[in-house]
């Protein structure tokens, strides 16, 4: 059972690799990976801090919460 599943998985991987080579979308895949990494390590903490400040001071505009989140995030990087 596991042997057959492994064979099917390897055939699926080979099929995907062939399609990537056929359509020449390797650069697109690398770009998507870079965007995901930047979004995970940079934009997610800024957005989380902005949400915290937005909930804390809900009378103010959301742009001020984003500004506070950005300032706190970059300050955190300086002092790590």
C-alpha atoms as a PDB file:
ATOM      1  CA  UNK A   1       0.000   0.000   0.000  1.00  0.00           C
ATOM      2  CA  UNK A   2       2.687   2.517   0.986  1.00  0.00           C
ATOM      3  CA  UNK A   3       4.874   1.426  -1.900  1.00  0.00           C
ATOM      4  CA  UNK A   4       2.091   2.157  -4.385  1.00  0.00           C
ATOM      5  CA  UNK A   5       1.400   5.535  -2.762  1.00  0.00           C
ATOM      6  CA  UNK A   6       5.092   6.392  -3.018  1.00  0.00           C
ATOM      7  CA  UNK A   7       5.122   5.492  -6.700  1.00  0.00           C
ATOM      8  CA  UNK A   8       2.037   7.645  -7.350  1.00  0.00           C
ATOM      9  CA  UNK A   9       3.588  10.546  -5.434  1.00  0.00           C
ATOM     10  CA  UNK A  10       6.847  10.293  -7.378  1.00  0.00           C
ATOM     11  CA  UNK A  11       4.902  10.224 -10.660  1.00  0.00           C
ATOM     12  CA  UNK A  12       2.981  13.335  -9.578  1.00  0.00           C
ATOM     13  CA  UNK A  13       6.224  15.141  -8.717  1.00  0.00           C
ATOM     14  CA  UNK A  14       7.772  14.163 -12.044  1.00  0.00           C
ATOM     15  CA  UNK A  15       4.627  15.409 -13.841  1.00  0.00           C
ATOM     16  CA  UNK A  16       4.812  18.767 -12.023  1.00  0.00           C
ATOM     17  CA  UNK A  17       8.513  19.171 -12.814  1.00  0.00           C
ATOM     18  CA  UNK A  18       7.841  18.420 -16.487  1.00  0.00           C
ATOM     19  CA  UNK A  19       5.008  20.970 -16.612  1.00  0.00           C
ATOM     20  CA  UNK A  20       7.218  23.607 -14.961  1.00  0.00           C
ATOM     21  CA  UNK A  21       9.904  22.993 -17.563  1.00  0.00           C
ATOM     22  CA  UNK A  22       7.365  22.893 -20.397  1.00  0.00           C
ATOM     23  CA  UNK A  23       5.771  26.242 -19.542  1.00  0.00           C
ATOM     24  CA  UNK A  24       9.053  27.808 -18.353  1.00  0.00           C
ATOM     25  CA  UNK A  25       7.543  29.234 -15.157  1.00  0.00           C
ATOM     26  CA  UNK A  26      10.493  28.670 -12.867  1.00  0.00           C
ATOM     27  CA  UNK A  27      11.048  32.424 -12.487  1.00  0.00           C
ATOM     28  CA  UNK A  28       7.401  32.869 -11.536  1.00  0.00           C
ATOM     29  CA  UNK A  29       7.641  30.186  -8.860  1.00  0.00           C
ATOM     30  CA  UNK A  30      10.814  31.753  -7.432  1.00  0.00           C
ATOM     31  CA  UNK A  31       9.060  35.143  -7.388  1.00  0.00           C
ATOM     32  CA  UNK A  32       6.075  33.695  -5.509  1.00  0.00           C
ATOM     33  CA  UNK A  33       8.398  32.111  -2.941  1.00  0.00           C
ATOM     34  CA  UNK A  34      10.209  35.446  -2.446  1.00  0.00           C
ATOM     35  CA  UNK A  35       6.881  37.262  -2.008  1.00  0.00           C
ATOM     36  CA  UNK A  36       5.722  34.710   0.561  1.00  0.00           C
ATOM     37  CA  UNK A  37       8.980  35.007   2.517  1.00  0.00           C
ATOM     38  CA  UNK A  38       8.854  38.815   2.518  1.00  0.00           C
ATOM     39  CA  UNK A  39       5.203  38.761   3.517  1.00  0.00           C
ATOM     40  CA  UNK A  40       5.815  36.330   6.330  1.00  0.00           C
ATOM     41  CA  UNK A  41       8.842  38.030   7.864  1.00  0.00           C
ATOM     42  CA  UNK A  42       8.061  41.681   7.193  1.00  0.00           C
ATOM     43  CA  UNK A  43       4.426  42.443   6.472  1.00  0.00           C
ATOM     44  CA  UNK A  44       2.814  40.022   8.924  1.00  0.00           C
ATOM     45  CA  UNK A  45       4.408  41.513  12.101  1.00  0.00           C
ATOM     46  CA  UNK A  46       3.661  45.060  10.921  1.00  0.00           C
ATOM     47  CA  UNK A  47       0.039  44.125  10.269  1.00  0.00           C
ATOM     48  CA  UNK A  48      -0.254  42.375  13.604  1.00  0.00           C
ATOM     49  CA  UNK A  49       1.104  45.420  15.460  1.00  0.00           C
ATOM     50  CA  UNK A  50      -1.252  47.661  13.484  1.00  0.00           C
ATOM     51  CA  UNK A  51      -4.212  45.484  14.501  1.00  0.00           C
ATOM     52  CA  UNK A  52      -3.177  45.659  18.153  1.00  0.00           C
ATOM     53  CA  UNK A  53      -2.932  49.445  18.044  1.00  0.00           C
ATOM     54  CA  UNK A  54      -6.146  49.677  16.021  1.00  0.00           C
ATOM     55  CA  UNK A  55      -8.072  47.703  18.638  1.00  0.00           C
ATOM     56  CA  UNK A  56      -6.407  49.593  21.471  1.00  0.00           C
ATOM     57  CA  UNK A  57      -7.218  53.055  20.049  1.00  0.00           C
ATOM     58  CA  UNK A  58     -10.328  52.334  18.008  1.00  0.00           C
ATOM     59  CA  UNK A  59     -11.319  56.021  17.876  1.00  0.00           C
ATOM     60  CA  UNK A  60      -8.318  56.905  15.685  1.00  0.00           C
ATOM     61  CA  UNK A  61      -7.955  56.166  12.001  1.00  0.00           C
ATOM     62  CA  UNK A  62      -6.501  52.902  10.741  1.00  0.00           C
ATOM     63  CA  UNK A  63      -3.648  54.721   9.012  1.00  0.00           C
ATOM     64  CA  UNK A  64      -2.329  55.924  12.361  1.00  0.00           C
ATOM     65  CA  UNK A  65      -2.435  52.324  13.628  1.00  0.00           C
ATOM     66  CA  UNK A  66      -0.427  51.184  10.595  1.00  0.00           C
ATOM     67  CA  UNK A  67       2.082  53.982  11.231  1.00  0.00           C
ATOM     68  CA  UNK A  68       2.462  52.968  14.877  1.00  0.00           C
ATOM     69  CA  UNK A  69       2.849  49.322  13.910  1.00  0.00           C
ATOM     70  CA  UNK A  70       5.553  50.197  11.378  1.00  0.00           C
ATOM     71  CA  UNK A  71       7.472  52.370  13.840  1.00  0.00           C
ATOM     72  CA  UNK A  72       7.364  49.706  16.566  1.00  0.00           C
ATOM     73  CA  UNK A  73       8.408  46.962  14.142  1.00  0.00           C
ATOM     74  CA  UNK A  74      11.521  48.759  12.892  1.00  0.00           C
ATOM     75  CA  UNK A  75      12.445  49.771  16.425  1.00  0.00           C
ATOM     76  CA  UNK A  76      12.241  46.098  17.388  1.00  0.00           C
ATOM     77  CA  UNK A  77      14.705  45.247  14.592  1.00  0.00           C
ATOM     78  CA  UNK A  78      17.229  47.811  15.845  1.00  0.00           C
ATOM     79  CA  UNK A  79      17.353  46.412  19.365  1.00  0.00           C
ATOM     80  CA  UNK A  80      16.680  42.756  18.525  1.00  0.00           C
END
